[in-house]
């Protein structure tokens, strides 16, 4: 099953090498996917750091098409609020929607995804 690797994982990987074994395994097995939202969060940082090679490598990862269904995002936000999850940002909801649309697991270090897992029926990489 493809794994959508969230920005939080990439940042830790680039900064400190944390979680490198799991991410390296996913890369080696060609299981990772990315989307334009994640690239939009990562690429400016990479450009500032003049990390052309890393930028190029990220752009070579299979990219999921983003078909944002705003009505579903509103529904997701409603479900989260109804279940006491008040701090979930729209980018996280968009990422969750994109993963669900493409039948992907999400690999994230962001605790919001653990909180949303059951209420939005997300598949998270353990």
PDB file of N, CA and C in Angstrom:
ATOM      1  N   UNK A   1       0.846  -1.175   0.000  1.00  0.00           N
ATOM      2  CA  UNK A   1       0.000   0.000   0.000  1.00  0.00           C
ATOM      3  C   UNK A   1       0.900   1.249   0.000  1.00  0.00           C
ATOM      4  N   UNK A   2       0.600   2.226  -0.844  1.00  0.00           N
ATOM      5  CA  UNK A   2       1.412   3.452  -0.866  1.00  0.00           C
ATOM      6  C   UNK A   2       1.316   4.203   0.463  1.00  0.00           C
ATOM      7  N   UNK A   3       2.382   4.916   0.778  1.00  0.00           N
ATOM      8  CA  UNK A   3       2.444   5.679   2.029  1.00  0.00           C
ATOM      9  C   UNK A   3       2.716   7.140   1.693  1.00  0.00           C
ATOM     10  N   UNK A   4       1.774   8.000   2.091  1.00  0.00           N
ATOM     11  CA  UNK A   4       1.940   9.437   1.920  1.00  0.00           C
ATOM     12  C   UNK A   4       2.756   9.945   3.102  1.00  0.00           C
ATOM     13  N   UNK A   5       3.973  10.395   2.819  1.00  0.00           N
ATOM     14  CA  UNK A   5       4.900  10.824   3.868  1.00  0.00           C
ATOM     15  C   UNK A   5       4.699  12.320   4.109  1.00  0.00           C
ATOM     16  N   UNK A   6       4.273  12.646   5.308  1.00  0.00           N
ATOM     17  CA  UNK A   6       3.958  14.018   5.698  1.00  0.00           C
ATOM     18  C   UNK A   6       5.223  14.861   5.864  1.00  0.00           C
ATOM     19  N   UNK A   7       5.030  16.154   5.758  1.00  0.00           N
ATOM     20  CA  UNK A   7       6.115  17.126   5.906  1.00  0.00           C
ATOM     21  C   UNK A   7       6.882  16.932   7.209  1.00  0.00           C
ATOM     22  N   UNK A   8       6.184  16.625   8.286  1.00  0.00           N
ATOM     23  CA  UNK A   8       6.835  16.481   9.595  1.00  0.00           C
ATOM     24  C   UNK A   8       7.920  15.404   9.570  1.00  0.00           C
ATOM     25  N   UNK A   9       7.686  14.330   8.842  1.00  0.00           N
ATOM     26  CA  UNK A   9       8.667  13.243   8.732  1.00  0.00           C
ATOM     27  C   UNK A   9       9.876  13.715   7.937  1.00  0.00           C
ATOM     28  N   UNK A  10       9.622  14.370   6.799  1.00  0.00           N
ATOM     29  CA  UNK A  10      10.724  14.848   5.959  1.00  0.00           C
ATOM     30  C   UNK A  10      11.596  15.855   6.706  1.00  0.00           C
ATOM     31  N   UNK A  11      10.983  16.765   7.448  1.00  0.00           N
ATOM     32  CA  UNK A  11      11.755  17.777   8.170  1.00  0.00           C
ATOM     33  C   UNK A  11      12.666  17.127   9.201  1.00  0.00           C
ATOM     34  N   UNK A  12      12.138  16.186   9.957  1.00  0.00           N
ATOM     35  CA  UNK A  12      12.967  15.480  10.946  1.00  0.00           C
ATOM     36  C   UNK A  12      14.086  14.696  10.252  1.00  0.00           C
ATOM     37  N   UNK A  13      13.762  14.098   9.147  1.00  0.00           N
ATOM     38  CA  UNK A  13      14.732  13.301   8.379  1.00  0.00           C
ATOM     39  C   UNK A  13      15.871  14.196   7.888  1.00  0.00           C
ATOM     40  N   UNK A  14      15.531  15.361   7.327  1.00  0.00           N
ATOM     41  CA  UNK A  14      16.554  16.275   6.806  1.00  0.00           C
ATOM     42  C   UNK A  14      17.358  16.928   7.917  1.00  0.00           C
ATOM     43  N   UNK A  15      16.704  17.283   9.003  1.00  0.00           N
ATOM     44  CA  UNK A  15      17.373  18.004  10.087  1.00  0.00           C
ATOM     45  C   UNK A  15      18.280  17.111  10.926  1.00  0.00           C
ATOM     46  N   UNK A  16      17.722  16.020  11.402  1.00  0.00           N
ATOM     47  CA  UNK A  16      18.410  15.224  12.424  1.00  0.00           C
ATOM     48  C   UNK A  16      18.639  13.774  12.026  1.00  0.00           C
ATOM     49  N   UNK A  17      18.056  13.360  10.924  1.00  0.00           N
ATOM     50  CA  UNK A  17      18.169  11.952  10.550  1.00  0.00           C
ATOM     51  C   UNK A  17      17.261  11.059  11.367  1.00  0.00           C
ATOM     52  N   UNK A  18      16.348  11.668  12.140  1.00  0.00           N
ATOM     53  CA  UNK A  18      15.421  10.870  12.952  1.00  0.00           C
ATOM     54  C   UNK A  18      14.490  10.074  12.049  1.00  0.00           C
ATOM     55  N   UNK A  19      14.078   8.920  12.530  1.00  0.00           N
ATOM     56  CA  UNK A  19      13.155   8.043  11.817  1.00  0.00           C
ATOM     57  C   UNK A  19      13.706   7.596  10.466  1.00  0.00           C
ATOM     58  N   UNK A  20      15.012   7.649  10.320  1.00  0.00           N
ATOM     59  CA  UNK A  20      15.600   7.361   9.016  1.00  0.00           C
ATOM     60  C   UNK A  20      15.437   5.901   8.603  1.00  0.00           C
ATOM     61  N   UNK A  21      15.466   4.981   9.534  1.00  0.00           N
ATOM     62  CA  UNK A  21      15.348   3.566   9.171  1.00  0.00           C
ATOM     63  C   UNK A  21      14.006   3.276   8.515  1.00  0.00           C
ATOM     64  N   UNK A  22      12.932   3.792   9.106  1.00  0.00           N
ATOM     65  CA  UNK A  22      11.595   3.551   8.568  1.00  0.00           C
ATOM     66  C   UNK A  22      11.436   4.219   7.206  1.00  0.00           C
ATOM     67  N   UNK A  23      11.866   5.472   7.095  1.00  0.00           N
ATOM     68  CA  UNK A  23      11.742   6.183   5.823  1.00  0.00           C
ATOM     69  C   UNK A  23      12.643   5.564   4.760  1.00  0.00           C
ATOM     70  N   UNK A  24      13.853   5.189   5.138  1.00  0.00           N
ATOM     71  CA  UNK A  24      14.750   4.524   4.183  1.00  0.00           C
ATOM     72  C   UNK A  24      14.130   3.231   3.652  1.00  0.00           C
ATOM     73  N   UNK A  25      13.492   2.474   4.533  1.00  0.00           N
ATOM     74  CA  UNK A  25      12.827   1.236   4.118  1.00  0.00           C
ATOM     75  C   UNK A  25      11.723   1.544   3.098  1.00  0.00           C
ATOM     76  N   UNK A  26      10.904   2.538   3.396  1.00  0.00           N
ATOM     77  CA  UNK A  26       9.811   2.909   2.490  1.00  0.00           C
ATOM     78  C   UNK A  26      10.345   3.362   1.129  1.00  0.00           C
ATOM     79  N   UNK A  27      11.439   4.115   1.163  1.00  0.00           N
ATOM     80  CA  UNK A  27      12.069   4.579  -0.076  1.00  0.00           C
ATOM     81  C   UNK A  27      12.604   3.376  -0.865  1.00  0.00           C
ATOM     82  N   UNK A  28      13.342   2.499  -0.179  1.00  0.00           N
ATOM     83  CA  UNK A  28      13.931   1.328  -0.834  1.00  0.00           C
ATOM     84  C   UNK A  28      12.863   0.420  -1.457  1.00  0.00           C
ATOM     85  N   UNK A  29      11.712   0.334  -0.797  1.00  0.00           N
ATOM     86  CA  UNK A  29      10.625  -0.523  -1.280  1.00  0.00           C
ATOM     87  C   UNK A  29       9.713   0.206  -2.273  1.00  0.00           C
ATOM     88  N   UNK A  30      10.063   1.453  -2.576  1.00  0.00           N
ATOM     89  CA  UNK A  30       9.296   2.271  -3.521  1.00  0.00           C
ATOM     90  C   UNK A  30       7.821   2.391  -3.111  1.00  0.00           C
ATOM     91  N   UNK A  31       7.603   2.631  -1.826  1.00  0.00           N
ATOM     92  CA  UNK A  31       6.242   2.719  -1.294  1.00  0.00           C
ATOM     93  C   UNK A  31       5.786   4.162  -1.051  1.00  0.00           C
ATOM     94  N   UNK A  32       6.695   5.118  -1.117  1.00  0.00           N
ATOM     95  CA  UNK A  32       6.324   6.479  -0.748  1.00  0.00           C
ATOM     96  C   UNK A  32       5.695   7.236  -1.914  1.00  0.00           C
ATOM     97  N   UNK A  33       4.769   8.097  -1.534  1.00  0.00           N
ATOM     98  CA  UNK A  33       4.153   9.030  -2.469  1.00  0.00           C
ATOM     99  C   UNK A  33       4.160  10.401  -1.813  1.00  0.00           C
ATOM    100  N   UNK A  34       3.950  11.418  -2.638  1.00  0.00           N
ATOM    101  CA  UNK A  34       3.982  12.799  -2.164  1.00  0.00           C
ATOM    102  C   UNK A  34       2.850  13.537  -2.867  1.00  0.00           C
ATOM    103  N   UNK A  35       2.560  14.747  -2.446  1.00  0.00           N
ATOM    104  CA  UNK A  35       1.574  15.561  -3.156  1.00  0.00           C
ATOM    105  C   UNK A  35       2.042  17.014  -3.194  1.00  0.00           C
ATOM    106  N   UNK A  36       1.292  17.840  -3.909  1.00  0.00           N
ATOM    107  CA  UNK A  36       1.690  19.237  -4.074  1.00  0.00           C
ATOM    108  C   UNK A  36       1.676  20.015  -2.759  1.00  0.00           C
ATOM    109  N   UNK A  37       0.802  19.671  -1.845  1.00  0.00           N
ATOM    110  CA  UNK A  37       0.759  20.357  -0.555  1.00  0.00           C
ATOM    111  C   UNK A  37       2.063  20.132   0.216  1.00  0.00           C
ATOM    112  N   UNK A  38       2.516  18.911   0.262  1.00  0.00           N
ATOM    113  CA  UNK A  38       3.764  18.591   0.967  1.00  0.00           C
ATOM    114  C   UNK A  38       4.941  19.263   0.274  1.00  0.00           C
ATOM    115  N   UNK A  39       4.959  19.213  -1.056  1.00  0.00           N
ATOM    116  CA  UNK A  39       6.033  19.891  -1.791  1.00  0.00           C
ATOM    117  C   UNK A  39       6.018  21.395  -1.517  1.00  0.00           C
ATOM    118  N   UNK A  40       4.835  21.990  -1.455  1.00  0.00           N
ATOM    119  CA  UNK A  40       4.736  23.430  -1.196  1.00  0.00           C
ATOM    120  C   UNK A  40       5.270  23.787   0.187  1.00  0.00           C
ATOM    121  N   UNK A  41       5.181  22.850   1.125  1.00  0.00           N
ATOM    122  CA  UNK A  41       5.718  23.094   2.461  1.00  0.00           C
ATOM    123  C   UNK A  41       7.229  22.871   2.512  1.00  0.00           C
ATOM    124  N   UNK A  42       7.757  21.967   1.708  1.00  0.00           N
ATOM    125  CA  UNK A  42       9.179  21.612   1.772  1.00  0.00           C
ATOM    126  C   UNK A  42      10.079  22.405   0.827  1.00  0.00           C
ATOM    127  N   UNK A  43       9.640  22.610  -0.390  1.00  0.00           N
ATOM    128  CA  UNK A  43      10.509  23.164  -1.431  1.00  0.00           C
ATOM    129  C   UNK A  43      11.072  24.546  -1.087  1.00  0.00           C
ATOM    130  N   UNK A  44      10.282  25.488  -0.565  1.00  0.00           N
ATOM    131  CA  UNK A  44      10.887  26.792  -0.238  1.00  0.00           C
ATOM    132  C   UNK A  44      12.061  26.673   0.738  1.00  0.00           C
ATOM    133  N   UNK A  45      11.922  25.831   1.755  1.00  0.00           N
ATOM    134  CA  UNK A  45      12.993  25.591   2.721  1.00  0.00           C
ATOM    135  C   UNK A  45      14.231  25.028   2.020  1.00  0.00           C
ATOM    136  N   UNK A  46      14.018  24.084   1.112  1.00  0.00           N
ATOM    137  CA  UNK A  46      15.136  23.481   0.385  1.00  0.00           C
ATOM    138  C   UNK A  46      15.821  24.492  -0.529  1.00  0.00           C
ATOM    139  N   UNK A  47      15.035  25.360  -1.137  1.00  0.00           N
ATOM    140  CA  UNK A  47      15.610  26.395  -2.001  1.00  0.00           C
ATOM    141  C   UNK A  47      16.450  27.379  -1.195  1.00  0.00           C
ATOM    142  N   UNK A  48      15.965  27.778  -0.017  1.00  0.00           N
ATOM    143  CA  UNK A  48      16.723  28.679   0.843  1.00  0.00           C
ATOM    144  C   UNK A  48      18.052  28.047   1.227  1.00  0.00           C
ATOM    145  N   UNK A  49      18.027  26.765   1.479  1.00  0.00           N
ATOM    146  CA  UNK A  49      19.236  26.018   1.858  1.00  0.00           C
ATOM    147  C   UNK A  49      20.066  25.564   0.664  1.00  0.00           C
ATOM    148  N   UNK A  50      19.610  25.915  -0.532  1.00  0.00           N
ATOM    149  CA  UNK A  50      20.313  25.562  -1.767  1.00  0.00           C
ATOM    150  C   UNK A  50      20.483  24.038  -1.906  1.00  0.00           C
ATOM    151  N   UNK A  51      19.446  23.311  -1.549  1.00  0.00           N
ATOM    152  CA  UNK A  51      19.457  21.845  -1.592  1.00  0.00           C
ATOM    153  C   UNK A  51      18.825  21.354  -2.901  1.00  0.00           C
ATOM    154  N   UNK A  52      19.472  21.634  -4.019  1.00  0.00           N
ATOM    155  CA  UNK A  52      18.924  21.298  -5.337  1.00  0.00           C
ATOM    156  C   UNK A  52      18.716  19.797  -5.522  1.00  0.00           C
ATOM    157  N   UNK A  53      19.687  19.022  -5.080  1.00  0.00           N
ATOM    158  CA  UNK A  53      19.621  17.567  -5.266  1.00  0.00           C
ATOM    159  C   UNK A  53      18.425  16.974  -4.506  1.00  0.00           C
ATOM    160  N   UNK A  54      18.245  17.379  -3.268  1.00  0.00           N
ATOM    161  CA  UNK A  54      17.120  16.879  -2.471  1.00  0.00           C
ATOM    162  C   UNK A  54      15.803  17.322  -3.099  1.00  0.00           C
ATOM    163  N   UNK A  55      15.753  18.568  -3.543  1.00  0.00           N
ATOM    164  CA  UNK A  55      14.563  19.095  -4.209  1.00  0.00           C
ATOM    165  C   UNK A  55      14.232  18.248  -5.438  1.00  0.00           C
ATOM    166  N   UNK A  56      15.246  17.949  -6.220  1.00  0.00           N
ATOM    167  CA  UNK A  56      15.057  17.125  -7.420  1.00  0.00           C
ATOM    168  C   UNK A  56      14.571  15.725  -7.059  1.00  0.00           C
ATOM    169  N   UNK A  57      15.161  15.146  -6.032  1.00  0.00           N
ATOM    170  CA  UNK A  57      14.752  13.805  -5.605  1.00  0.00           C
ATOM    171  C   UNK A  57      13.286  13.785  -5.154  1.00  0.00           C
ATOM    172  N   UNK A  58      12.869  14.812  -4.407  1.00  0.00           N
ATOM    173  CA  UNK A  58      11.481  14.877  -3.963  1.00  0.00           C
ATOM    174  C   UNK A  58      10.526  14.991  -5.151  1.00  0.00           C
ATOM    175  N   UNK A  59      10.927  15.739  -6.157  1.00  0.00           N
ATOM    176  CA  UNK A  59      10.074  15.889  -7.335  1.00  0.00           C
ATOM    177  C   UNK A  59      10.014  14.620  -8.185  1.00  0.00           C
ATOM    178  N   UNK A  60      10.908  13.669  -7.938  1.00  0.00           N
ATOM    179  CA  UNK A  60      10.898  12.402  -8.664  1.00  0.00           C
ATOM    180  C   UNK A  60      10.068  11.320  -7.977  1.00  0.00           C
ATOM    181  N   UNK A  61       9.556  11.618  -6.793  1.00  0.00           N
ATOM    182  CA  UNK A  61       8.682  10.687  -6.083  1.00  0.00           C
ATOM    183  C   UNK A  61       7.311  10.727  -6.754  1.00  0.00           C
ATOM    184  N   UNK A  62       6.655   9.585  -6.817  1.00  0.00           N
ATOM    185  CA  UNK A  62       5.317   9.542  -7.409  1.00  0.00           C
ATOM    186  C   UNK A  62       4.414  10.540  -6.682  1.00  0.00           C
ATOM    187  N   UNK A  63       3.799  11.424  -7.472  1.00  0.00           N
ATOM    188  CA  UNK A  63       2.968  12.481  -6.903  1.00  0.00           C
ATOM    189  C   UNK A  63       1.494  12.139  -7.077  1.00  0.00           C
ATOM    190  N   UNK A  64       0.758  12.205  -5.962  1.00  0.00           N
ATOM    191  CA  UNK A  64      -0.678  11.980  -6.002  1.00  0.00           C
ATOM    192  C   UNK A  64      -1.374  13.214  -6.562  1.00  0.00           C
ATOM    193  N   UNK A  65      -2.360  12.991  -7.393  1.00  0.00           N
ATOM    194  CA  UNK A  65      -3.194  14.086  -7.869  1.00  0.00           C
ATOM    195  C   UNK A  65      -4.030  14.583  -6.693  1.00  0.00           C
ATOM    196  N   UNK A  66      -4.144  15.882  -6.589  1.00  0.00           N
ATOM    197  CA  UNK A  66      -4.956  16.452  -5.508  1.00  0.00           C
ATOM    198  C   UNK A  66      -6.278  16.937  -6.092  1.00  0.00           C
ATOM    199  N   UNK A  67      -7.342  16.316  -5.630  1.00  0.00           N
ATOM    200  CA  UNK A  67      -8.691  16.689  -6.033  1.00  0.00           C
ATOM    201  C   UNK A  67      -9.418  17.084  -4.759  1.00  0.00           C
ATOM    202  N   UNK A  68      -9.275  18.349  -4.386  1.00  0.00           N
ATOM    203  CA  UNK A  68      -9.816  18.804  -3.108  1.00  0.00           C
ATOM    204  C   UNK A  68     -11.331  18.949  -3.208  1.00  0.00           C
ATOM    205  N   UNK A  69     -12.015  18.206  -2.373  1.00  0.00           N
ATOM    206  CA  UNK A  69     -13.472  18.271  -2.272  1.00  0.00           C
ATOM    207  C   UNK A  69     -13.770  19.098  -1.019  1.00  0.00           C
ATOM    208  N   UNK A  70     -14.059  20.383  -1.241  1.00  0.00           N
ATOM    209  CA  UNK A  70     -14.217  21.308  -0.114  1.00  0.00           C
ATOM    210  C   UNK A  70     -15.400  20.943   0.769  1.00  0.00           C
ATOM    211  N   UNK A  71     -16.449  20.369   0.189  1.00  0.00           N
ATOM    212  CA  UNK A  71     -17.578  19.934   1.017  1.00  0.00           C
ATOM    213  C   UNK A  71     -17.135  18.839   1.979  1.00  0.00           C
ATOM    214  N   UNK A  72     -16.285  17.940   1.498  1.00  0.00           N
ATOM    215  CA  UNK A  72     -15.787  16.882   2.373  1.00  0.00           C
ATOM    216  C   UNK A  72     -14.851  17.454   3.438  1.00  0.00           C
ATOM    217  N   UNK A  73     -14.053  18.454   3.071  1.00  0.00           N
ATOM    218  CA  UNK A  73     -13.181  19.099   4.065  1.00  0.00           C
ATOM    219  C   UNK A  73     -14.027  19.717   5.167  1.00  0.00           C
ATOM    220  N   UNK A  74     -15.124  20.376   4.790  1.00  0.00           N
ATOM    221  CA  UNK A  74     -16.040  20.948   5.781  1.00  0.00           C
ATOM    222  C   UNK A  74     -16.616  19.837   6.662  1.00  0.00           C
ATOM    223  N   UNK A  75     -17.002  18.722   6.039  1.00  0.00           N
ATOM    224  CA  UNK A  75     -17.522  17.577   6.804  1.00  0.00           C
ATOM    225  C   UNK A  75     -16.461  17.035   7.760  1.00  0.00           C
ATOM    226  N   UNK A  76     -15.224  16.901   7.269  1.00  0.00           N
ATOM    227  CA  UNK A  76     -14.133  16.426   8.129  1.00  0.00           C
ATOM    228  C   UNK A  76     -13.949  17.357   9.326  1.00  0.00           C
ATOM    229  N   UNK A  77     -13.957  18.654   9.067  1.00  0.00           N
ATOM    230  CA  UNK A  77     -13.776  19.615  10.154  1.00  0.00           C
ATOM    231  C   UNK A  77     -14.929  19.516  11.152  1.00  0.00           C
ATOM    232  N   UNK A  78     -16.155  19.360  10.649  1.00  0.00           N
ATOM    233  CA  UNK A  78     -17.325  19.197  11.512  1.00  0.00           C
ATOM    234  C   UNK A  78     -17.173  17.958  12.391  1.00  0.00           C
ATOM    235  N   UNK A  79     -16.795  16.843  11.770  1.00  0.00           N
ATOM    236  CA  UNK A  79     -16.617  15.592  12.515  1.00  0.00           C
ATOM    237  C   UNK A  79     -15.551  15.772  13.599  1.00  0.00           C
ATOM    238  N   UNK A  80     -14.451  16.418  13.235  1.00  0.00           N
ATOM    239  CA  UNK A  80     -13.385  16.647  14.215  1.00  0.00           C
ATOM    240  C   UNK A  80     -13.884  17.511  15.370  1.00  0.00           C
ATOM    241  N   UNK A  81     -14.538  18.619  15.065  1.00  0.00           N
ATOM    242  CA  UNK A  81     -15.044  19.521  16.106  1.00  0.00           C
ATOM    243  C   UNK A  81     -16.064  18.812  16.989  1.00  0.00           C
ATOM    244  N   UNK A  82     -16.945  18.041  16.369  1.00  0.00           N
ATOM    245  CA  UNK A  82     -17.968  17.295  17.105  1.00  0.00           C
ATOM    246  C   UNK A  82     -17.342  16.306  18.084  1.00  0.00           C
ATOM    247  N   UNK A  83     -16.141  15.822  17.742  1.00  0.00           N
ATOM    248  CA  UNK A  83     -15.443  14.858  18.592  1.00  0.00           C
ATOM    249  C   UNK A  83     -14.391  15.512  19.487  1.00  0.00           C
ATOM    250  N   UNK A  84     -14.455  16.844  19.617  1.00  0.00           N
ATOM    251  CA  UNK A  84     -13.562  17.556  20.524  1.00  0.00           C
ATOM    252  C   UNK A  84     -12.171  17.827  19.984  1.00  0.00           C
ATOM    253  N   UNK A  85     -11.974  17.658  18.676  1.00  0.00           N
ATOM    254  CA  UNK A  85     -10.667  17.913  18.069  1.00  0.00           C
ATOM    255  C   UNK A  85     -10.690  19.311  17.467  1.00  0.00           C
ATOM    256  N   UNK A  86     -10.288  20.295  18.279  1.00  0.00           N
ATOM    257  CA  UNK A  86     -10.444  21.695  17.899  1.00  0.00           C
ATOM    258  C   UNK A  86      -9.262  22.290  17.159  1.00  0.00           C
ATOM    259  N   UNK A  87      -8.110  21.701  17.222  1.00  0.00           N
ATOM    260  CA  UNK A  87      -6.919  22.327  16.660  1.00  0.00           C
ATOM    261  C   UNK A  87      -6.448  21.755  15.333  1.00  0.00           C
ATOM    262  N   UNK A  88      -7.320  21.103  14.603  1.00  0.00           N
ATOM    263  CA  UNK A  88      -6.926  20.474  13.339  1.00  0.00           C
ATOM    264  C   UNK A  88      -6.946  21.530  12.233  1.00  0.00           C
ATOM    265  N   UNK A  89      -5.820  21.700  11.568  1.00  0.00           N
ATOM    266  CA  UNK A  89      -5.714  22.693  10.508  1.00  0.00           C
ATOM    267  C   UNK A  89      -6.217  22.161   9.172  1.00  0.00           C
ATOM    268  N   UNK A  90      -6.607  23.081   8.314  1.00  0.00           N
ATOM    269  CA  UNK A  90      -7.096  22.714   6.985  1.00  0.00           C
ATOM    270  C   UNK A  90      -6.043  21.927   6.189  1.00  0.00           C
ATOM    271  N   UNK A  91      -4.745  22.304   6.231  1.00  0.00           N
ATOM    272  CA  UNK A  91      -3.766  21.482   5.489  1.00  0.00           C
ATOM    273  C   UNK A  91      -3.759  20.015   5.926  1.00  0.00           C
ATOM    274  N   UNK A  92      -3.922  19.757   7.225  1.00  0.00           N
ATOM    275  CA  UNK A  92      -3.965  18.365   7.693  1.00  0.00           C
ATOM    276  C   UNK A  92      -5.216  17.656   7.182  1.00  0.00           C
ATOM    277  N   UNK A  93      -6.324  18.373   7.122  1.00  0.00           N
ATOM    278  CA  UNK A  93      -7.552  17.777   6.600  1.00  0.00           C
ATOM    279  C   UNK A  93      -7.425  17.484   5.109  1.00  0.00           C
ATOM    280  N   UNK A  94      -6.773  18.377   4.377  1.00  0.00           N
ATOM    281  CA  UNK A  94      -6.557  18.162   2.944  1.00  0.00           C
ATOM    282  C   UNK A  94      -5.657  16.946   2.729  1.00  0.00           C
ATOM    283  N   UNK A  95      -4.613  16.837   3.537  1.00  0.00           N
ATOM    284  CA  UNK A  95      -3.719  15.683   3.422  1.00  0.00           C
ATOM    285  C   UNK A  95      -4.469  14.390   3.742  1.00  0.00           C
ATOM    286  N   UNK A  96      -5.301  14.415   4.779  1.00  0.00           N
ATOM    287  CA  UNK A  96      -6.088  13.231   5.137  1.00  0.00           C
ATOM    288  C   UNK A  96      -7.017  12.845   3.992  1.00  0.00           C
ATOM    289  N   UNK A  97      -7.678  13.845   3.403  1.00  0.00           N
ATOM    290  CA  UNK A  97      -8.586  13.581   2.288  1.00  0.00           C
ATOM    291  C   UNK A  97      -7.834  12.977   1.104  1.00  0.00           C
ATOM    292  N   UNK A  98      -6.669  13.543   0.784  1.00  0.00           N
ATOM    293  CA  UNK A  98      -5.875  13.063  -0.340  1.00  0.00           C
ATOM    294  C   UNK A  98      -5.445  11.611  -0.127  1.00  0.00           C
ATOM    295  N   UNK A  99      -5.048  11.278   1.086  1.00  0.00           N
ATOM    296  CA  UNK A  99      -4.647   9.895   1.395  1.00  0.00           C
ATOM    297  C   UNK A  99      -5.836   8.952   1.255  1.00  0.00           C
ATOM    298  N   UNK A 100      -6.979   9.354   1.765  1.00  0.00           N
ATOM    299  CA  UNK A 100      -8.174   8.499   1.660  1.00  0.00           C
ATOM    300  C   UNK A 100      -8.587   8.312   0.209  1.00  0.00           C
ATOM    301  N   UNK A 101      -8.570   9.374  -0.585  1.00  0.00           N
ATOM    302  CA  UNK A 101      -8.960   9.289  -1.993  1.00  0.00           C
ATOM    303  C   UNK A 101      -8.074   8.312  -2.760  1.00  0.00           C
ATOM    304  N   UNK A 102      -6.819   8.246  -2.362  1.00  0.00           N
ATOM    305  CA  UNK A 102      -5.837   7.427  -3.080  1.00  0.00           C
ATOM    306  C   UNK A 102      -5.499   6.125  -2.362  1.00  0.00           C
ATOM    307  N   UNK A 103      -6.278   5.784  -1.335  1.00  0.00           N
ATOM    308  CA  UNK A 103      -6.108   4.530  -0.596  1.00  0.00           C
ATOM    309  C   UNK A 103      -4.676   4.364  -0.085  1.00  0.00           C
ATOM    310  N   UNK A 104      -4.189   5.407   0.579  1.00  0.00           N
ATOM    311  CA  UNK A 104      -2.824   5.416   1.108  1.00  0.00           C
ATOM    312  C   UNK A 104      -2.830   5.429   2.628  1.00  0.00           C
ATOM    313  N   UNK A 105      -1.747   4.937   3.171  1.00  0.00           N
ATOM    314  CA  UNK A 105      -1.471   5.147   4.581  1.00  0.00           C
ATOM    315  C   UNK A 105      -0.798   6.508   4.714  1.00  0.00           C
ATOM    316  N   UNK A 106      -0.854   7.067   5.900  1.00  0.00           N
ATOM    317  CA  UNK A 106      -0.171   8.327   6.192  1.00  0.00           C
ATOM    318  C   UNK A 106       0.939   8.041   7.183  1.00  0.00           C
ATOM    319  N   UNK A 107       2.117   8.556   6.893  1.00  0.00           N
ATOM    320  CA  UNK A 107       3.229   8.490   7.827  1.00  0.00           C
ATOM    321  C   UNK A 107       3.500   9.921   8.262  1.00  0.00           C
ATOM    322  N   UNK A 108       3.211  10.204   9.522  1.00  0.00           N
ATOM    323  CA  UNK A 108       3.360  11.559  10.047  1.00  0.00           C
ATOM    324  C   UNK A 108       3.834  11.500  11.487  1.00  0.00           C
ATOM    325  N   UNK A 109       4.551  12.529  11.888  1.00  0.00           N
ATOM    326  CA  UNK A 109       4.938  12.693  13.295  1.00  0.00           C
ATOM    327  C   UNK A 109       3.999  13.673  13.992  1.00  0.00           C
ATOM    328  N   UNK A 110       3.074  14.230  13.234  1.00  0.00           N
ATOM    329  CA  UNK A 110       2.106  15.198  13.731  1.00  0.00           C
ATOM    330  C   UNK A 110       1.009  14.453  14.493  1.00  0.00           C
ATOM    331  N   UNK A 111       0.831  14.784  15.756  1.00  0.00           N
ATOM    332  CA  UNK A 111      -0.152  14.095  16.596  1.00  0.00           C
ATOM    333  C   UNK A 111      -1.590  14.300  16.138  1.00  0.00           C
ATOM    334  N   UNK A 112      -1.837  15.332  15.327  1.00  0.00           N
ATOM    335  CA  UNK A 112      -3.197  15.549  14.825  1.00  0.00           C
ATOM    336  C   UNK A 112      -3.713  14.325  14.072  1.00  0.00           C
ATOM    337  N   UNK A 113      -2.829  13.643  13.380  1.00  0.00           N
ATOM    338  CA  UNK A 113      -3.263  12.481  12.609  1.00  0.00           C
ATOM    339  C   UNK A 113      -3.665  11.329  13.521  1.00  0.00           C
ATOM    340  N   UNK A 114      -2.958  11.161  14.633  1.00  0.00           N
ATOM    341  CA  UNK A 114      -3.367  10.134  15.608  1.00  0.00           C
ATOM    342  C   UNK A 114      -4.744  10.478  16.176  1.00  0.00           C
ATOM    343  N   UNK A 115      -4.963  11.755  16.440  1.00  0.00           N
ATOM    344  CA  UNK A 115      -6.257  12.177  16.976  1.00  0.00           C
ATOM    345  C   UNK A 115      -7.381  11.967  15.957  1.00  0.00           C
ATOM    346  N   UNK A 116      -7.090  12.197  14.683  1.00  0.00           N
ATOM    347  CA  UNK A 116      -8.107  12.076  13.630  1.00  0.00           C
ATOM    348  C   UNK A 116      -8.312  10.642  13.158  1.00  0.00           C
ATOM    349  N   UNK A 117      -7.374   9.762  13.490  1.00  0.00           N
ATOM    350  CA  UNK A 117      -7.360   8.405  12.928  1.00  0.00           C
ATOM    351  C   UNK A 117      -8.722   7.716  13.002  1.00  0.00           C
ATOM    352  N   UNK A 118      -9.283   7.629  14.172  1.00  0.00           N
ATOM    353  CA  UNK A 118     -10.525   6.887  14.343  1.00  0.00           C
ATOM    354  C   UNK A 118     -11.740   7.642  13.816  1.00  0.00           C
ATOM    355  N   UNK A 119     -11.797   8.955  14.061  1.00  0.00           N
ATOM    356  CA  UNK A 119     -12.994   9.691  13.659  1.00  0.00           C
ATOM    357  C   UNK A 119     -13.097   9.859  12.145  1.00  0.00           C
ATOM    358  N   UNK A 120     -11.951   9.912  11.442  1.00  0.00           N
ATOM    359  CA  UNK A 120     -11.965  10.028   9.982  1.00  0.00           C
ATOM    360  C   UNK A 120     -11.605   8.720   9.283  1.00  0.00           C
ATOM    361  N   UNK A 121     -11.383   7.683  10.083  1.00  0.00           N
ATOM    362  CA  UNK A 121     -11.025   6.356   9.553  1.00  0.00           C
ATOM    363  C   UNK A 121      -9.803   6.406   8.645  1.00  0.00           C
ATOM    364  N   UNK A 122      -8.733   6.989   9.188  1.00  0.00           N
ATOM    365  CA  UNK A 122      -7.467   7.100   8.464  1.00  0.00           C
ATOM    366  C   UNK A 122      -6.622   5.858   8.698  1.00  0.00           C
ATOM    367  N   UNK A 123      -5.811   5.548   7.715  1.00  0.00           N
ATOM    368  CA  UNK A 123      -4.811   4.483   7.857  1.00  0.00           C
ATOM    369  C   UNK A 123      -3.470   5.156   8.122  1.00  0.00           C
ATOM    370  N   UNK A 124      -2.917   4.890   9.297  1.00  0.00           N
ATOM    371  CA  UNK A 124      -1.630   5.463   9.659  1.00  0.00           C
ATOM    372  C   UNK A 124      -0.570   4.382   9.708  1.00  0.00           C
ATOM    373  N   UNK A 125       0.631   4.738   9.265  1.00  0.00           N
ATOM    374  CA  UNK A 125       1.749   3.808   9.359  1.00  0.00           C
ATOM    375  C   UNK A 125       2.171   3.733  10.815  1.00  0.00           C
ATOM    376  N   UNK A 126       2.253   2.540  11.311  1.00  0.00           N
ATOM    377  CA  UNK A 126       2.595   2.357  12.735  1.00  0.00           C
ATOM    378  C   UNK A 126       4.079   2.508  12.964  1.00  0.00           C
TER     379      UNK A 126
END
